[in-house]
Amino acid sequence: MNDLERQTIDGSGAAACRYLALRVIEQAFRDLTSTDGTRADHESARAFLAGSPIFYRWCEIANVSAALTIARATTLKDGCPFL
């Protein structure tokens, strides 16, 4: 993370950035487990939650453990018959 990015996140928008990052990760979990989504939605969520480069960035901003999030996604994915 460069100094400009750090200043932006550490400033007054930090809570908003964290909220957005958490919602992005949460939506990926919804897409992964939804029975209404398309195959492409499921595959995209699976690839994201498996540890795509941007996933790690969102986890850093959200201040959540990427390893634990990946482990949880793997557990859910293994229980989904449509994946």
C-alpha atoms as a PDB file:
ATOM      1  CA  MET A   1       0.000   0.000   0.000  1.00  0.00           C
ATOM      2  CA  ASN A   2       1.471   3.363  -0.943  1.00  0.00           C
ATOM      3  CA  ASP A   3       1.358   6.503   1.232  1.00  0.00           C
ATOM      4  CA  LEU A   4      -1.532   8.073  -0.670  1.00  0.00           C
ATOM      5  CA  GLU A   5      -3.702   4.953  -0.258  1.00  0.00           C
ATOM      6  CA  ARG A   6      -2.800   4.773   3.443  1.00  0.00           C
ATOM      7  CA  GLN A   7      -3.728   8.422   3.979  1.00  0.00           C
ATOM      8  CA  THR A   8      -7.060   7.914   2.234  1.00  0.00           C
ATOM      9  CA  ILE A   9      -7.945   4.865   4.320  1.00  0.00           C
ATOM     10  CA  ASP A  10      -6.626   6.336   7.592  1.00  0.00           C
ATOM     11  CA  GLY A  11      -8.584   9.556   7.067  1.00  0.00           C
ATOM     12  CA  SER A  12     -12.236  10.231   7.722  1.00  0.00           C
ATOM     13  CA  GLY A  13     -13.327   7.651   5.162  1.00  0.00           C
ATOM     14  CA  ALA A  14     -11.779   4.703   6.997  1.00  0.00           C
ATOM     15  CA  ALA A  15     -15.061   3.457   8.424  1.00  0.00           C
ATOM     16  CA  ALA A  16     -16.773   3.797   5.051  1.00  0.00           C
ATOM     17  CA  CYS A  17     -13.968   1.906   3.317  1.00  0.00           C
ATOM     18  CA  ARG A  18     -14.112  -0.869   5.888  1.00  0.00           C
ATOM     19  CA  TYR A  19     -17.900  -1.090   5.569  1.00  0.00           C
ATOM     20  CA  LEU A  20     -17.659  -1.321   1.780  1.00  0.00           C
ATOM     21  CA  ALA A  21     -14.970  -4.003   1.963  1.00  0.00           C
ATOM     22  CA  LEU A  22     -17.050  -6.071   4.378  1.00  0.00           C
ATOM     23  CA  ARG A  23     -20.078  -5.773   2.096  1.00  0.00           C
ATOM     24  CA  VAL A  24     -18.040  -6.896  -0.944  1.00  0.00           C
ATOM     25  CA  ILE A  25     -16.871 -10.001   0.923  1.00  0.00           C
ATOM     26  CA  GLU A  26     -20.372 -10.638   2.263  1.00  0.00           C
ATOM     27  CA  GLN A  27     -21.845 -10.401  -1.248  1.00  0.00           C
ATOM     28  CA  ALA A  28     -19.335 -12.941  -2.496  1.00  0.00           C
ATOM     29  CA  PHE A  29     -20.522 -15.356   0.189  1.00  0.00           C
ATOM     30  CA  ARG A  30     -24.124 -14.735  -0.863  1.00  0.00           C
ATOM     31  CA  ASP A  31     -23.238 -15.357  -4.505  1.00  0.00           C
ATOM     32  CA  LEU A  32     -21.365 -18.519  -3.557  1.00  0.00           C
ATOM     33  CA  THR A  33     -24.262 -20.051  -1.656  1.00  0.00           C
ATOM     34  CA  SER A  34     -27.283 -18.663  -3.513  1.00  0.00           C
ATOM     35  CA  THR A  35     -29.534 -21.142  -5.279  1.00  0.00           C
ATOM     36  CA  ASP A  36     -30.890 -18.303  -7.441  1.00  0.00           C
ATOM     37  CA  GLY A  37     -27.606 -17.151  -8.936  1.00  0.00           C
ATOM     38  CA  THR A  38     -26.166 -18.134 -12.271  1.00  0.00           C
ATOM     39  CA  ARG A  39     -23.314 -20.566 -12.689  1.00  0.00           C
ATOM     40  CA  ALA A  40     -21.123 -17.583 -13.600  1.00  0.00           C
ATOM     41  CA  ASP A  41     -22.038 -15.866 -10.297  1.00  0.00           C
ATOM     42  CA  HIS A  42     -21.080 -18.985  -8.358  1.00  0.00           C
ATOM     43  CA  GLU A  43     -17.825 -19.444 -10.249  1.00  0.00           C
ATOM     44  CA  SER A  44     -16.873 -15.784  -9.877  1.00  0.00           C
ATOM     45  CA  ALA A  45     -17.559 -15.855  -6.133  1.00  0.00           C
ATOM     46  CA  ARG A  46     -15.643 -19.118  -5.774  1.00  0.00           C
ATOM     47  CA  ALA A  47     -12.611 -17.713  -7.600  1.00  0.00           C
ATOM     48  CA  PHE A  48     -12.724 -14.502  -5.554  1.00  0.00           C
ATOM     49  CA  LEU A  49     -13.079 -16.297  -2.213  1.00  0.00           C
ATOM     50  CA  ALA A  50     -10.356 -18.793  -3.123  1.00  0.00           C
ATOM     51  CA  GLY A  51      -7.826 -16.001  -2.766  1.00  0.00           C
ATOM     52  CA  SER A  52      -7.769 -13.767  -5.814  1.00  0.00           C
ATOM     53  CA  PRO A  53      -5.341 -10.837  -5.519  1.00  0.00           C
ATOM     54  CA  ILE A  54      -8.159  -8.305  -5.049  1.00  0.00           C
ATOM     55  CA  PHE A  55      -9.685 -10.527  -2.350  1.00  0.00           C
ATOM     56  CA  TYR A  56      -6.580 -10.022  -0.205  1.00  0.00           C
ATOM     57  CA  ARG A  57      -6.846  -6.261  -0.682  1.00  0.00           C
ATOM     58  CA  TRP A  58     -10.512  -6.245   0.387  1.00  0.00           C
ATOM     59  CA  CYS A  59      -9.643  -8.344   3.451  1.00  0.00           C
ATOM     60  CA  GLU A  60      -6.874  -5.913   4.361  1.00  0.00           C
ATOM     61  CA  ILE A  61      -9.242  -2.947   4.114  1.00  0.00           C
ATOM     62  CA  ALA A  62     -11.993  -4.797   6.026  1.00  0.00           C
ATOM     63  CA  ASN A  63      -9.463  -5.862   8.652  1.00  0.00           C
ATOM     64  CA  VAL A  64     -10.466  -9.514   8.439  1.00  0.00           C
ATOM     65  CA  SER A  65      -8.289 -12.600   8.197  1.00  0.00           C
ATOM     66  CA  ALA A  66      -7.976 -13.714   4.595  1.00  0.00           C
ATOM     67  CA  ALA A  67      -6.950 -17.225   5.677  1.00  0.00           C
ATOM     68  CA  LEU A  68      -9.996 -17.674   7.910  1.00  0.00           C
ATOM     69  CA  THR A  69     -12.293 -16.246   5.244  1.00  0.00           C
ATOM     70  CA  ILE A  70     -10.902 -18.636   2.627  1.00  0.00           C
ATOM     71  CA  ALA A  71     -11.312 -21.547   5.046  1.00  0.00           C
ATOM     72  CA  ARG A  72     -14.943 -20.601   5.675  1.00  0.00           C
ATOM     73  CA  ALA A  73     -15.634 -20.239   1.953  1.00  0.00           C
ATOM     74  CA  THR A  74     -14.104 -23.655   1.309  1.00  0.00           C
ATOM     75  CA  THR A  75     -16.347 -25.203   3.957  1.00  0.00           C
ATOM     76  CA  LEU A  76     -19.428 -23.610   2.404  1.00  0.00           C
ATOM     77  CA  LYS A  77     -18.369 -24.464  -1.134  1.00  0.00           C
ATOM     78  CA  ASP A  78     -17.898 -28.109  -0.205  1.00  0.00           C
ATOM     79  CA  GLY A  79     -21.477 -28.200   1.080  1.00  0.00           C
ATOM     80  CA  CYS A  80     -23.003 -26.657  -2.058  1.00  0.00           C
ATOM     81  CA  PRO A  81     -24.236 -29.290  -4.516  1.00  0.00           C
ATOM     82  CA  PHE A  82     -24.478 -26.825  -7.414  1.00  0.00           C
ATOM     83  CA  LEU A  83     -20.763 -25.980  -7.439  1.00  0.00           C
END
